[in-house]
Protein backbone atom coordinates (compact mmCIF):
# COMPACT_ATOMS: atom_id res chain seq x y z
CA UNK A 1 0.00 0.00 0.00
CA UNK A 2 1.34 3.41 -0.98
CA UNK A 3 -0.36 6.67 -0.03
CA UNK A 4 0.97 10.17 -0.71
CA UNK A 5 1.15 12.53 2.26
CA UNK A 6 -0.63 15.74 1.28
CA UNK A 7 0.19 18.48 3.81
CA UNK A 8 1.70 21.96 3.69
CA UNK A 9 5.03 20.57 4.84
CA UNK A 10 5.06 17.82 2.20
CA UNK A 11 4.25 20.39 -0.52
CA UNK A 12 7.17 22.52 0.67
CA UNK A 13 9.44 19.46 0.54
CA UNK A 14 8.11 18.57 -2.92
CA UNK A 15 9.21 22.00 -4.17
CA UNK A 16 12.74 21.01 -3.08
CA UNK A 17 12.50 17.60 -4.75
CA UNK A 18 11.54 15.35 -1.80
CA UNK A 19 8.21 13.48 -2.08
CA UNK A 20 6.57 11.94 1.01
CA UNK A 21 4.55 8.71 1.13
CA UNK A 22 3.03 6.45 3.79
CA UNK A 23 3.73 2.74 3.34
CA UNK A 24 2.91 -0.46 5.20
CA UNK A 25 5.08 -1.30 8.18
CA UNK A 26 6.88 -4.23 6.50
CA UNK A 27 8.01 -2.35 3.37
CA UNK A 28 11.75 -1.71 3.23
CA UNK A 29 13.60 0.89 1.12
CA UNK A 30 14.26 -1.46 -1.81
CA UNK A 31 10.59 -2.48 -2.09
CA UNK A 32 9.50 1.17 -1.82
CA UNK A 33 11.96 2.13 -4.58
CA UNK A 34 10.56 -0.55 -6.92
CA UNK A 35 6.94 0.38 -6.19
CA UNK A 36 7.47 4.12 -6.82
CA UNK A 37 9.50 3.55 -9.98
CA UNK A 38 6.81 1.22 -11.39
CA UNK A 39 3.75 3.28 -10.41
CA UNK A 40 5.00 6.76 -11.34
CA UNK A 41 7.59 5.89 -14.01
CA UNK A 42 10.42 7.87 -12.42
CA UNK A 43 14.00 7.12 -11.30
CA UNK A 44 14.55 7.25 -7.51
CA UNK A 45 17.88 8.70 -6.38
CA UNK A 46 17.63 8.63 -2.54
CA UNK A 47 15.20 7.34 0.07
CA UNK A 48 14.81 8.29 3.74
CA UNK A 49 12.47 6.34 5.99
CA UNK A 50 11.04 6.90 9.47
CA UNK A 51 8.57 5.13 11.70
CA UNK A 52 6.06 7.59 13.17
CA UNK A 53 4.71 6.75 16.61
CA UNK A 54 0.98 5.94 16.78
CA UNK A 55 -1.41 8.50 18.21
CA UNK A 56 -3.95 8.09 20.98
CA UNK A 57 -7.47 9.47 21.14
CA UNK A 58 -10.42 9.22 23.52
CA UNK A 59 -13.63 7.42 22.65
CA UNK A 60 -16.61 9.74 23.15
CA UNK A 61 -18.91 6.96 24.31
CA UNK A 62 -16.73 5.01 26.73
CA UNK A 63 -14.00 7.63 27.44
CA UNK A 64 -11.34 4.95 26.92
CA UNK A 65 -8.02 5.66 25.24
CA UNK A 66 -7.72 4.13 21.75
CA UNK A 67 -4.24 3.93 20.23
CA UNK A 68 -3.43 3.59 16.56
CA UNK A 69 -0.36 1.63 15.53
CA UNK A 70 2.90 3.07 14.22
CA UNK A 71 3.07 4.23 10.59
CA UNK A 72 6.08 4.06 8.28
CA UNK A 73 6.83 7.19 6.28
CA UNK A 74 9.28 7.40 3.36
CA UNK A 75 10.71 10.45 1.64
CA UNK A 76 11.91 10.03 -1.94
CA UNK A 77 14.37 12.18 -3.91
CA UNK A 78 14.02 11.81 -7.69
CA UNK A 79 16.87 11.88 -10.17
CA UNK A 80 17.29 14.87 -12.48
CA UNK A 81 14.32 17.12 -13.27
CA UNK A 82 11.67 14.44 -12.76
CA UNK A 83 8.47 15.25 -10.89
CA UNK A 84 5.40 13.48 -9.53
CA UNK A 85 2.18 15.18 -10.63
CA UNK A 86 0.30 14.47 -7.38
CA UNK A 87 2.39 17.07 -5.57
CA UNK A 88 2.08 19.86 -8.13
CA UNK A 89 0.11 22.92 -7.00
CA UNK A 90 -1.70 25.11 -9.53
CA UNK A 91 -0.59 28.74 -9.85
CA UNK A 92 -2.62 31.91 -9.42
PDB file of N, CA and C in Angstrom:
ATOM      1  N   UNK A   1       0.847  -1.176   0.000  1.00  0.00           N
ATOM      2  CA  UNK A   1       0.000   0.000   0.000  1.00  0.00           C
ATOM      3  C   UNK A   1       0.894   1.241   0.000  1.00  0.00           C
ATOM      4  N   UNK A   2       0.566   2.191  -0.838  1.00  0.00           N
ATOM      5  CA  UNK A   2       1.344   3.409  -0.984  1.00  0.00           C
ATOM      6  C   UNK A   2       0.383   4.592  -1.027  1.00  0.00           C
ATOM      7  N   UNK A   3       0.498   5.505  -0.060  1.00  0.00           N
ATOM      8  CA  UNK A   3      -0.365   6.675  -0.033  1.00  0.00           C
ATOM      9  C   UNK A   3       0.488   7.932   0.034  1.00  0.00           C
ATOM     10  N   UNK A   4       0.229   8.915  -0.806  1.00  0.00           N
ATOM     11  CA  UNK A   4       0.974  10.167  -0.705  1.00  0.00           C
ATOM     12  C   UNK A   4       0.528  10.953   0.525  1.00  0.00           C
ATOM     13  N   UNK A   5       1.456  11.667   1.128  1.00  0.00           N
ATOM     14  CA  UNK A   5       1.152  12.533   2.260  1.00  0.00           C
ATOM     15  C   UNK A   5       0.938  13.933   1.700  1.00  0.00           C
ATOM     16  N   UNK A   6      -0.283  14.444   1.837  1.00  0.00           N
ATOM     17  CA  UNK A   6      -0.630  15.743   1.282  1.00  0.00           C
ATOM     18  C   UNK A   6      -0.824  16.733   2.433  1.00  0.00           C
ATOM     19  N   UNK A   7       0.229  17.448   2.776  1.00  0.00           N
ATOM     20  CA  UNK A   7       0.194  18.477   3.815  1.00  0.00           C
ATOM     21  C   UNK A   7       0.990  19.684   3.317  1.00  0.00           C
ATOM     22  N   UNK A   8       0.920  20.767   4.065  1.00  0.00           N
ATOM     23  CA  UNK A   8       1.698  21.961   3.692  1.00  0.00           C
ATOM     24  C   UNK A   8       3.195  21.655   3.718  1.00  0.00           C
ATOM     25  N   UNK A   9       3.611  20.901   4.726  1.00  0.00           N
ATOM     26  CA  UNK A   9       5.029  20.575   4.845  1.00  0.00           C
ATOM     27  C   UNK A   9       5.491  19.673   3.697  1.00  0.00           C
ATOM     28  N   UNK A  10       4.658  18.701   3.302  1.00  0.00           N
ATOM     29  CA  UNK A  10       5.057  17.823   2.205  1.00  0.00           C
ATOM     30  C   UNK A  10       5.083  18.576   0.871  1.00  0.00           C
ATOM     31  N   UNK A  11       4.196  19.561   0.688  1.00  0.00           N
ATOM     32  CA  UNK A  11       4.255  20.393  -0.518  1.00  0.00           C
ATOM     33  C   UNK A  11       5.537  21.221  -0.553  1.00  0.00           C
ATOM     34  N   UNK A  12       5.934  21.750   0.605  1.00  0.00           N
ATOM     35  CA  UNK A  12       7.174  22.521   0.668  1.00  0.00           C
ATOM     36  C   UNK A  12       8.373  21.628   0.343  1.00  0.00           C
ATOM     37  N   UNK A  13       8.361  20.399   0.850  1.00  0.00           N
ATOM     38  CA  UNK A  13       9.445  19.464   0.538  1.00  0.00           C
ATOM     39  C   UNK A  13       9.418  19.059  -0.933  1.00  0.00           C
ATOM     40  N   UNK A  14       8.222  18.941  -1.510  1.00  0.00           N
ATOM     41  CA  UNK A  14       8.110  18.570  -2.923  1.00  0.00           C
ATOM     42  C   UNK A  14       8.700  19.659  -3.817  1.00  0.00           C
ATOM     43  N   UNK A  15       8.596  20.911  -3.406  1.00  0.00           N
ATOM     44  CA  UNK A  15       9.213  22.004  -4.167  1.00  0.00           C
ATOM     45  C   UNK A  15      10.732  21.886  -4.175  1.00  0.00           C
ATOM     46  N   UNK A  16      11.299  21.225  -3.147  1.00  0.00           N
ATOM     47  CA  UNK A  16      12.743  21.014  -3.076  1.00  0.00           C
ATOM     48  C   UNK A  16      13.153  19.649  -3.616  1.00  0.00           C
ATOM     49  N   UNK A  17      12.169  18.870  -4.121  1.00  0.00           N
ATOM     50  CA  UNK A  17      12.496  17.603  -4.754  1.00  0.00           C
ATOM     51  C   UNK A  17      12.290  16.366  -3.901  1.00  0.00           C
ATOM     52  N   UNK A  18      11.787  16.490  -2.672  1.00  0.00           N
ATOM     53  CA  UNK A  18      11.539  15.345  -1.804  1.00  0.00           C
ATOM     54  C   UNK A  18      10.037  15.085  -1.741  1.00  0.00           C
ATOM     55  N   UNK A  19       9.614  13.861  -2.075  1.00  0.00           N
ATOM     56  CA  UNK A  19       8.205  13.484  -2.085  1.00  0.00           C
ATOM     57  C   UNK A  19       7.942  12.499  -0.948  1.00  0.00           C
ATOM     58  N   UNK A  20       6.855  12.710  -0.197  1.00  0.00           N
ATOM     59  CA  UNK A  20       6.573  11.944   1.009  1.00  0.00           C
ATOM     60  C   UNK A  20       5.405  10.984   0.791  1.00  0.00           C
ATOM     61  N   UNK A  21       5.580   9.743   1.255  1.00  0.00           N
ATOM     62  CA  UNK A  21       4.549   8.711   1.132  1.00  0.00           C
ATOM     63  C   UNK A  21       4.436   7.927   2.433  1.00  0.00           C
ATOM     64  N   UNK A  22       3.243   7.390   2.702  1.00  0.00           N
ATOM     65  CA  UNK A  22       3.031   6.448   3.793  1.00  0.00           C
ATOM     66  C   UNK A  22       3.016   5.048   3.179  1.00  0.00           C
ATOM     67  N   UNK A  23       3.691   4.116   3.812  1.00  0.00           N
ATOM     68  CA  UNK A  23       3.733   2.735   3.336  1.00  0.00           C
ATOM     69  C   UNK A  23       3.394   1.801   4.493  1.00  0.00           C
ATOM     70  N   UNK A  24       3.170   0.537   4.164  1.00  0.00           N
ATOM     71  CA  UNK A  24       2.914  -0.455   5.203  1.00  0.00           C
ATOM     72  C   UNK A  24       4.172  -0.663   6.036  1.00  0.00           C
ATOM     73  N   UNK A  25       3.982  -1.160   7.233  1.00  0.00           N
ATOM     74  CA  UNK A  25       5.081  -1.296   8.180  1.00  0.00           C
ATOM     75  C   UNK A  25       6.200  -2.213   7.689  1.00  0.00           C
ATOM     76  N   UNK A  26       5.887  -3.260   6.922  1.00  0.00           N
ATOM     77  CA  UNK A  26       6.880  -4.232   6.502  1.00  0.00           C
ATOM     78  C   UNK A  26       7.646  -3.875   5.235  1.00  0.00           C
ATOM     79  N   UNK A  27       7.358  -2.737   4.627  1.00  0.00           N
ATOM     80  CA  UNK A  27       8.008  -2.347   3.372  1.00  0.00           C
ATOM     81  C   UNK A  27       9.369  -1.733   3.667  1.00  0.00           C
ATOM     82  N   UNK A  28      10.418  -2.279   3.046  1.00  0.00           N
ATOM     83  CA  UNK A  28      11.748  -1.706   3.226  1.00  0.00           C
ATOM     84  C   UNK A  28      12.051  -0.733   2.082  1.00  0.00           C
ATOM     85  N   UNK A  29      13.241  -0.138   2.110  1.00  0.00           N
ATOM     86  CA  UNK A  29      13.597   0.887   1.121  1.00  0.00           C
ATOM     87  C   UNK A  29      13.647   0.331  -0.299  1.00  0.00           C
ATOM     88  N   UNK A  30      14.158  -0.882  -0.465  1.00  0.00           N
ATOM     89  CA  UNK A  30      14.256  -1.461  -1.806  1.00  0.00           C
ATOM     90  C   UNK A  30      12.882  -1.724  -2.412  1.00  0.00           C
ATOM     91  N   UNK A  31      11.951  -2.250  -1.607  1.00  0.00           N
ATOM     92  CA  UNK A  31      10.590  -2.477  -2.092  1.00  0.00           C
ATOM     93  C   UNK A  31       9.921  -1.154  -2.435  1.00  0.00           C
ATOM     94  N   UNK A  32      10.106  -0.150  -1.581  1.00  0.00           N
ATOM     95  CA  UNK A  32       9.505   1.168  -1.818  1.00  0.00           C
ATOM     96  C   UNK A  32      10.054   1.778  -3.106  1.00  0.00           C
ATOM     97  N   UNK A  33      11.332   1.623  -3.345  1.00  0.00           N
ATOM     98  CA  UNK A  33      11.957   2.135  -4.577  1.00  0.00           C
ATOM     99  C   UNK A  33      11.315   1.491  -5.804  1.00  0.00           C
ATOM    100  N   UNK A  34      11.168   0.161  -5.784  1.00  0.00           N
ATOM    101  CA  UNK A  34      10.564  -0.549  -6.920  1.00  0.00           C
ATOM    102  C   UNK A  34       9.124  -0.117  -7.150  1.00  0.00           C
ATOM    103  N   UNK A  35       8.349   0.002  -6.072  1.00  0.00           N
ATOM    104  CA  UNK A  35       6.940   0.383  -6.191  1.00  0.00           C
ATOM    105  C   UNK A  35       6.809   1.771  -6.807  1.00  0.00           C
ATOM    106  N   UNK A  36       7.569   2.737  -6.322  1.00  0.00           N
ATOM    107  CA  UNK A  36       7.466   4.119  -6.816  1.00  0.00           C
ATOM    108  C   UNK A  36       7.937   4.216  -8.260  1.00  0.00           C
ATOM    109  N   UNK A  37       9.011   3.517  -8.600  1.00  0.00           N
ATOM    110  CA  UNK A  37       9.496   3.545  -9.981  1.00  0.00           C
ATOM    111  C   UNK A  37       8.494   2.916 -10.941  1.00  0.00           C
ATOM    112  N   UNK A  38       7.797   1.858 -10.520  1.00  0.00           N
ATOM    113  CA  UNK A  38       6.806   1.220 -11.386  1.00  0.00           C
ATOM    114  C   UNK A  38       5.531   2.051 -11.514  1.00  0.00           C
ATOM    115  N   UNK A  39       5.028   2.563 -10.403  1.00  0.00           N
ATOM    116  CA  UNK A  39       3.753   3.276 -10.408  1.00  0.00           C
ATOM    117  C   UNK A  39       3.853   4.627 -11.119  1.00  0.00           C
ATOM    118  N   UNK A  40       4.899   5.397 -10.814  1.00  0.00           N
ATOM    119  CA  UNK A  40       4.999   6.756 -11.339  1.00  0.00           C
ATOM    120  C   UNK A  40       5.935   6.884 -12.541  1.00  0.00           C
ATOM    121  N   UNK A  41       6.696   5.849 -12.866  1.00  0.00           N
ATOM    122  CA  UNK A  41       7.588   5.889 -14.013  1.00  0.00           C
ATOM    123  C   UNK A  41       8.722   6.882 -13.869  1.00  0.00           C
ATOM    124  N   UNK A  42       9.320   6.952 -12.687  1.00  0.00           N
ATOM    125  CA  UNK A  42      10.420   7.875 -12.418  1.00  0.00           C
ATOM    126  C   UNK A  42      11.615   7.078 -11.898  1.00  0.00           C
ATOM    127  N   UNK A  43      12.777   7.733 -11.825  1.00  0.00           N
ATOM    128  CA  UNK A  43      13.997   7.122 -11.297  1.00  0.00           C
ATOM    129  C   UNK A  43      14.262   7.692  -9.908  1.00  0.00           C
ATOM    130  N   UNK A  44      14.326   6.828  -8.903  1.00  0.00           N
ATOM    131  CA  UNK A  44      14.546   7.250  -7.515  1.00  0.00           C
ATOM    132  C   UNK A  44      16.039   7.341  -7.246  1.00  0.00           C
ATOM    133  N   UNK A  45      16.470   8.478  -6.685  1.00  0.00           N
ATOM    134  CA  UNK A  45      17.884   8.695  -6.375  1.00  0.00           C
ATOM    135  C   UNK A  45      18.197   8.347  -4.922  1.00  0.00           C
ATOM    136  N   UNK A  46      17.408   8.868  -3.974  1.00  0.00           N
ATOM    137  CA  UNK A  46      17.630   8.634  -2.544  1.00  0.00           C
ATOM    138  C   UNK A  46      16.302   8.348  -1.861  1.00  0.00           C
ATOM    139  N   UNK A  47      16.382   7.608  -0.745  1.00  0.00           N
ATOM    140  CA  UNK A  47      15.196   7.341   0.073  1.00  0.00           C
ATOM    141  C   UNK A  47      15.569   7.512   1.539  1.00  0.00           C
ATOM    142  N   UNK A  48      14.709   8.205   2.288  1.00  0.00           N
ATOM    143  CA  UNK A  48      14.812   8.291   3.740  1.00  0.00           C
ATOM    144  C   UNK A  48      13.544   7.669   4.302  1.00  0.00           C
ATOM    145  N   UNK A  49      13.659   6.938   5.393  1.00  0.00           N
ATOM    146  CA  UNK A  49      12.473   6.342   5.990  1.00  0.00           C
ATOM    147  C   UNK A  49      12.444   6.619   7.486  1.00  0.00           C
ATOM    148  N   UNK A  50      11.224   6.664   8.038  1.00  0.00           N
ATOM    149  CA  UNK A  50      11.043   6.895   9.469  1.00  0.00           C
ATOM    150  C   UNK A  50       9.764   6.209   9.912  1.00  0.00           C
ATOM    151  N   UNK A  51       9.771   5.700  11.125  1.00  0.00           N
ATOM    152  CA  UNK A  51       8.565   5.133  11.704  1.00  0.00           C
ATOM    153  C   UNK A  51       7.982   6.172  12.652  1.00  0.00           C
ATOM    154  N   UNK A  52       6.730   6.564  12.376  1.00  0.00           N
ATOM    155  CA  UNK A  52       6.060   7.589  13.168  1.00  0.00           C
ATOM    156  C   UNK A  52       5.239   6.899  14.239  1.00  0.00           C
ATOM    157  N   UNK A  53       5.404   7.336  15.472  1.00  0.00           N
ATOM    158  CA  UNK A  53       4.711   6.755  16.606  1.00  0.00           C
ATOM    159  C   UNK A  53       3.199   6.915  16.452  1.00  0.00           C
ATOM    160  N   UNK A  54       2.435   5.895  16.857  1.00  0.00           N
ATOM    161  CA  UNK A  54       0.976   5.940  16.784  1.00  0.00           C
ATOM    162  C   UNK A  54       0.395   6.967  17.742  1.00  0.00           C
ATOM    163  N   UNK A  55      -0.767   7.479  17.396  1.00  0.00           N
ATOM    164  CA  UNK A  55      -1.413   8.497  18.210  1.00  0.00           C
ATOM    165  C   UNK A  55      -2.524   7.888  19.041  1.00  0.00           C
ATOM    166  N   UNK A  56      -2.852   8.532  20.141  1.00  0.00           N
ATOM    167  CA  UNK A  56      -3.952   8.095  20.983  1.00  0.00           C
ATOM    168  C   UNK A  56      -5.096   9.098  20.920  1.00  0.00           C
ATOM    169  N   UNK A  57      -6.305   8.590  21.090  1.00  0.00           N
ATOM    170  CA  UNK A  57      -7.468   9.474  21.144  1.00  0.00           C
ATOM    171  C   UNK A  57      -8.482   8.866  22.088  1.00  0.00           C
ATOM    172  N   UNK A  58      -9.403   9.682  22.593  1.00  0.00           N
ATOM    173  CA  UNK A  58     -10.421   9.224  23.516  1.00  0.00           C
ATOM    174  C   UNK A  58     -11.701   8.876  22.768  1.00  0.00           C
ATOM    175  N   UNK A  59     -12.326   7.795  23.180  1.00  0.00           N
ATOM    176  CA  UNK A  59     -13.628   7.422  22.646  1.00  0.00           C
ATOM    177  C   UNK A  59     -14.671   8.299  23.328  1.00  0.00           C
ATOM    178  N   UNK A  60     -15.588   8.872  22.558  1.00  0.00           N
ATOM    179  CA  UNK A  60     -16.606   9.743  23.147  1.00  0.00           C
ATOM    180  C   UNK A  60     -17.602   8.959  24.000  1.00  0.00           C
ATOM    181  N   UNK A  61     -17.902   7.745  23.612  1.00  0.00           N
ATOM    182  CA  UNK A  61     -18.914   6.963  24.314  1.00  0.00           C
ATOM    183  C   UNK A  61     -18.388   6.367  25.615  1.00  0.00           C
ATOM    184  N   UNK A  62     -17.238   5.716  25.563  1.00  0.00           N
ATOM    185  CA  UNK A  62     -16.729   5.010  26.735  1.00  0.00           C
ATOM    186  C   UNK A  62     -15.615   5.753  27.462  1.00  0.00           C
ATOM    187  N   UNK A  63     -15.093   6.819  26.870  1.00  0.00           N
ATOM    188  CA  UNK A  63     -13.997   7.629  27.437  1.00  0.00           C
ATOM    189  C   UNK A  63     -12.710   6.834  27.604  1.00  0.00           C
ATOM    190  N   UNK A  64     -12.564   5.733  26.867  1.00  0.00           N
ATOM    191  CA  UNK A  64     -11.336   4.950  26.922  1.00  0.00           C
ATOM    192  C   UNK A  64     -10.354   5.462  25.885  1.00  0.00           C
ATOM    193  N   UNK A  65      -9.078   5.255  26.161  1.00  0.00           N
ATOM    194  CA  UNK A  65      -8.020   5.662  25.240  1.00  0.00           C
ATOM    195  C   UNK A  65      -7.847   4.607  24.155  1.00  0.00           C
ATOM    196  N   UNK A  66      -7.907   5.024  22.893  1.00  0.00           N
ATOM    197  CA  UNK A  66      -7.724   4.133  21.755  1.00  0.00           C
ATOM    198  C   UNK A  66      -6.446   4.555  21.047  1.00  0.00           C
ATOM    199  N   UNK A  67      -5.517   3.618  20.873  1.00  0.00           N
ATOM    200  CA  UNK A  67      -4.242   3.933  20.229  1.00  0.00           C
ATOM    201  C   UNK A  67      -4.198   3.338  18.832  1.00  0.00           C
ATOM    202  N   UNK A  68      -3.677   4.118  17.899  1.00  0.00           N
ATOM    203  CA  UNK A  68      -3.430   3.589  16.559  1.00  0.00           C
ATOM    204  C   UNK A  68      -1.977   3.115  16.510  1.00  0.00           C
ATOM    205  N   UNK A  69      -1.701   2.191  15.624  1.00  0.00           N
ATOM    206  CA  UNK A  69      -0.360   1.626  15.528  1.00  0.00           C
ATOM    207  C   UNK A  69       0.615   2.567  14.850  1.00  0.00           C
ATOM    208  N   UNK A  70       1.890   2.237  14.881  1.00  0.00           N
ATOM    209  CA  UNK A  70       2.897   3.067  14.220  1.00  0.00           C
ATOM    210  C   UNK A  70       2.748   3.023  12.701  1.00  0.00           C
ATOM    211  N   UNK A  71       3.169   4.095  12.041  1.00  0.00           N
ATOM    212  CA  UNK A  71       3.069   4.235  10.594  1.00  0.00           C
ATOM    213  C   UNK A  71       4.468   4.463  10.048  1.00  0.00           C
ATOM    214  N   UNK A  72       4.779   3.862   8.908  1.00  0.00           N
ATOM    215  CA  UNK A  72       6.084   4.061   8.281  1.00  0.00           C
ATOM    216  C   UNK A  72       5.958   5.114   7.190  1.00  0.00           C
ATOM    217  N   UNK A  73       6.839   6.100   7.238  1.00  0.00           N
ATOM    218  CA  UNK A  73       6.829   7.194   6.275  1.00  0.00           C
ATOM    219  C   UNK A  73       8.140   7.163   5.503  1.00  0.00           C
ATOM    220  N   UNK A  74       8.065   7.328   4.170  1.00  0.00           N
ATOM    221  CA  UNK A  74       9.281   7.395   3.364  1.00  0.00           C
ATOM    222  C   UNK A  74       9.303   8.712   2.599  1.00  0.00           C
ATOM    223  N   UNK A  75      10.499   9.242   2.431  1.00  0.00           N
ATOM    224  CA  UNK A  75      10.709  10.452   1.639  1.00  0.00           C
ATOM    225  C   UNK A  75      11.627  10.069   0.490  1.00  0.00           C
ATOM    226  N   UNK A  76      11.228  10.459  -0.730  1.00  0.00           N
ATOM    227  CA  UNK A  76      11.911  10.026  -1.936  1.00  0.00           C
ATOM    228  C   UNK A  76      12.462  11.228  -2.682  1.00  0.00           C
ATOM    229  N   UNK A  77      13.734  11.151  -3.069  1.00  0.00           N
ATOM    230  CA  UNK A  77      14.367  12.178  -3.913  1.00  0.00           C
ATOM    231  C   UNK A  77      14.499  11.585  -5.309  1.00  0.00           C
ATOM    232  N   UNK A  78      13.987  12.308  -6.311  1.00  0.00           N
ATOM    233  CA  UNK A  78      14.019  11.808  -7.686  1.00  0.00           C
ATOM    234  C   UNK A  78      15.261  12.299  -8.409  1.00  0.00           C
ATOM    235  N   UNK A  79      15.690  11.541  -9.384  1.00  0.00           N
ATOM    236  CA  UNK A  79      16.866  11.883 -10.171  1.00  0.00           C
ATOM    237  C   UNK A  79      16.522  12.941 -11.211  1.00  0.00           C
ATOM    238  N   UNK A  80      17.440  13.858 -11.434  1.00  0.00           N
ATOM    239  CA  UNK A  80      17.288  14.868 -12.483  1.00  0.00           C
ATOM    240  C   UNK A  80      16.127  15.823 -12.253  1.00  0.00           C
ATOM    241  N   UNK A  81      15.438  16.180 -13.336  1.00  0.00           N
ATOM    242  CA  UNK A  81      14.320  17.116 -13.267  1.00  0.00           C
ATOM    243  C   UNK A  81      12.974  16.397 -13.267  1.00  0.00           C
ATOM    244  N   UNK A  82      12.921  15.188 -12.781  1.00  0.00           N
ATOM    245  CA  UNK A  82      11.672  14.441 -12.761  1.00  0.00           C
ATOM    246  C   UNK A  82      10.765  14.944 -11.648  1.00  0.00           C
ATOM    247  N   UNK A  83       9.453  14.817 -11.872  1.00  0.00           N
ATOM    248  CA  UNK A  83       8.472  15.254 -10.886  1.00  0.00           C
ATOM    249  C   UNK A  83       7.341  14.250 -10.818  1.00  0.00           C
ATOM    250  N   UNK A  84       6.613  14.270  -9.696  1.00  0.00           N
ATOM    251  CA  UNK A  84       5.400  13.476  -9.529  1.00  0.00           C
ATOM    252  C   UNK A  84       4.235  14.453  -9.537  1.00  0.00           C
ATOM    253  N   UNK A  85       3.266  14.234 -10.418  1.00  0.00           N
ATOM    254  CA  UNK A  85       2.184  15.185 -10.632  1.00  0.00           C
ATOM    255  C   UNK A  85       1.250  15.337  -9.433  1.00  0.00           C
ATOM    256  N   UNK A  86       1.183  14.363  -8.547  1.00  0.00           N
ATOM    257  CA  UNK A  86       0.303  14.466  -7.382  1.00  0.00           C
ATOM    258  C   UNK A  86       0.659  15.640  -6.477  1.00  0.00           C
ATOM    259  N   UNK A  87       1.927  16.027  -6.478  1.00  0.00           N
ATOM    260  CA  UNK A  87       2.393  17.065  -5.568  1.00  0.00           C
ATOM    261  C   UNK A  87       2.504  18.444  -6.230  1.00  0.00           C
ATOM    262  N   UNK A  88       2.024  18.579  -7.442  1.00  0.00           N
ATOM    263  CA  UNK A  88       2.085  19.860  -8.131  1.00  0.00           C
ATOM    264  C   UNK A  88       0.893  20.719  -7.726  1.00  0.00           C
ATOM    265  N   UNK A  89       1.161  21.987  -7.416  1.00  0.00           N
ATOM    266  CA  UNK A  89       0.113  22.922  -7.003  1.00  0.00           C
ATOM    267  C   UNK A  89      -0.109  23.903  -8.145  1.00  0.00           C
ATOM    268  N   UNK A  90      -1.372  24.165  -8.467  1.00  0.00           N
ATOM    269  CA  UNK A  90      -1.698  25.111  -9.531  1.00  0.00           C
ATOM    270  C   UNK A  90      -1.343  26.534  -9.139  1.00  0.00           C
ATOM    271  N   UNK A  91      -0.972  27.347 -10.111  1.00  0.00           N
ATOM    272  CA  UNK A  91      -0.591  28.740  -9.850  1.00  0.00           C
ATOM    273  C   UNK A  91      -1.805  29.646  -9.758  1.00  0.00           C
ATOM    274  N   UNK A  92      -1.532  30.925  -9.549  1.00  0.00           N
ATOM    275  CA  UNK A  92      -2.623  31.907  -9.420  1.00  0.00           C
ATOM    276  C   UNK A  92      -3.176  32.291 -10.751  1.00  0.00           C
TER     277      UNK A  92
END
